[in-house]
Amino acid sequence: MMNGCKLILQWLTLLLFTLNSTLASDAFNCITNRITIKDKTVSNTFGTDFSDDVGFQTWMCLICGWIYDEATGIPDEGILPGTRWKDVPINWTCPECGARKEDFEMIVI
């Protein structure tokens, strides 16, 4: 299946290249989910928005008051330091009380 997708991707890129080389490059980067920041290409595996200029934020559980800090993450639960709140899985629950993500609110500390 992966080889078929790769072949289609290559064919599409070649087709677009014949139309317009700049358009082909943009399409290839979009399709392969790559972005370029200051002349460096970065793979965007988890959909993280690398252009986000906002510093790390903290989110508080409205049920029990537990704090999620994006800078520290929750390594014990597989959420690495630097993981943005929007990238925490939707089915994740508060480690203290089991509340859902919807029960958290962004706070400034």
Protein backbone atom coordinates (compact mmCIF):
# COMPACT_ATOMS: atom_id res chain seq x y z
CA MET A 1 0.00 0.00 0.00
CA MET A 2 2.80 2.40 0.92
CA ASN A 3 4.60 1.80 -2.39
CA GLY A 4 1.39 2.59 -4.28
CA CYS A 5 0.97 5.87 -2.41
CA LYS A 6 4.61 6.73 -3.03
CA LEU A 7 4.21 6.00 -6.74
CA ILE A 8 1.10 8.20 -6.96
CA LEU A 9 2.92 10.96 -5.08
CA GLN A 10 5.88 10.78 -7.47
CA TRP A 11 3.56 10.78 -10.50
CA LEU A 12 1.64 13.78 -9.17
CA THR A 13 4.85 15.67 -8.46
CA LEU A 14 6.17 14.94 -11.96
CA LEU A 15 2.87 16.04 -13.49
CA LEU A 16 2.87 19.28 -11.54
CA PHE A 17 6.53 19.84 -12.35
CA THR A 18 5.73 19.85 -16.03
CA LEU A 19 3.09 22.50 -15.39
CA ASN A 20 5.09 24.74 -13.12
CA SER A 21 8.20 23.89 -11.12
CA THR A 22 7.34 26.25 -8.23
CA LEU A 23 3.82 24.84 -7.99
CA ALA A 24 5.23 21.30 -7.98
CA SER A 25 7.59 22.10 -5.13
CA ASP A 26 4.81 23.65 -3.05
CA ALA A 27 2.50 20.72 -3.76
CA PHE A 28 5.17 18.17 -2.86
CA ASN A 29 5.92 19.92 0.42
CA CYS A 30 2.22 20.11 1.22
CA ILE A 31 1.54 16.48 0.33
CA THR A 32 4.54 15.10 2.22
CA ASN A 33 3.67 17.35 5.18
CA ARG A 34 6.99 19.21 5.24
CA ILE A 35 7.50 22.85 6.04
CA THR A 36 10.46 25.16 5.60
CA ILE A 37 11.59 27.55 8.31
CA LYS A 38 14.53 29.88 7.59
CA ASP A 39 15.87 27.64 4.81
CA LYS A 40 15.62 24.46 6.91
CA THR A 41 13.15 21.71 6.10
CA VAL A 42 11.46 20.14 9.12
CA SER A 43 9.27 17.05 9.06
CA ASN A 44 5.92 17.72 10.64
CA THR A 45 5.11 14.24 11.96
CA PHE A 46 2.45 15.11 14.53
CA GLY A 47 0.88 18.18 12.95
CA THR A 48 2.67 20.58 15.28
CA ASP A 49 2.49 24.20 14.23
CA PHE A 50 6.19 25.17 14.13
CA SER A 51 5.36 28.78 13.29
CA ASP A 52 3.62 29.28 16.62
CA ASP A 53 5.30 32.24 18.31
CA VAL A 54 3.32 31.83 21.54
CA GLY A 55 5.38 30.61 24.47
CA PHE A 56 4.47 27.46 26.34
CA GLN A 57 1.14 27.64 28.13
CA THR A 58 -0.36 26.01 31.20
CA TRP A 59 -3.76 24.37 31.40
CA MET A 60 -5.68 23.75 34.62
CA CYS A 61 -8.25 21.04 35.31
CA LEU A 62 -11.45 22.78 36.37
CA ILE A 63 -12.46 19.73 38.41
CA CYS A 64 -9.42 19.15 40.62
CA GLY A 65 -6.99 22.00 39.85
CA TRP A 66 -4.21 19.79 38.39
CA ILE A 67 -1.93 21.78 36.04
CA TYR A 68 -0.64 20.64 32.64
CA ASP A 69 2.47 22.58 31.61
CA GLU A 70 3.34 22.37 27.91
CA ALA A 71 7.03 22.98 28.68
CA THR A 72 7.33 19.93 30.94
CA GLY A 73 4.71 17.63 29.40
CA ILE A 74 3.97 14.33 31.17
CA PRO A 75 6.82 11.99 30.21
CA ASP A 76 5.44 9.18 32.43
CA GLU A 77 2.35 9.13 30.19
CA GLY A 78 4.28 9.43 26.93
CA ILE A 79 3.61 13.16 26.47
CA LEU A 80 7.03 14.66 25.84
CA PRO A 81 8.19 18.05 27.12
CA GLY A 82 7.20 20.77 24.65
CA THR A 83 3.96 19.05 23.61
CA ARG A 84 1.33 21.70 22.93
CA TRP A 85 -2.11 21.24 24.46
CA LYS A 86 -3.67 20.91 21.02
CA ASP A 87 -1.35 17.94 20.36
CA VAL A 88 -2.30 16.05 23.52
CA PRO A 89 -4.55 13.15 22.42
CA ILE A 90 -8.28 13.91 22.54
CA ASN A 91 -8.92 10.82 24.68
CA TRP A 92 -6.32 11.82 27.29
CA THR A 93 -7.67 12.29 30.83
CA CYS A 94 -6.46 14.15 33.90
CA PRO A 95 -4.06 11.94 35.89
CA GLU A 96 -5.59 13.12 39.18
CA CYS A 97 -9.35 12.94 38.63
CA GLY A 98 -9.95 11.46 35.17
CA ALA A 99 -11.48 14.66 33.72
CA ARG A 100 -11.44 15.07 29.94
CA LYS A 101 -9.55 17.70 27.95
CA GLU A 102 -12.75 19.74 27.67
CA ASP A 103 -12.59 20.22 31.45
CA PHE A 104 -9.29 22.14 31.23
CA GLU A 105 -8.82 25.87 30.81
CA MET A 106 -5.71 27.80 29.80
CA ILE A 107 -4.29 29.85 32.67
CA VAL A 108 -1.36 32.24 33.04
CA ILE A 109 1.02 31.47 35.86
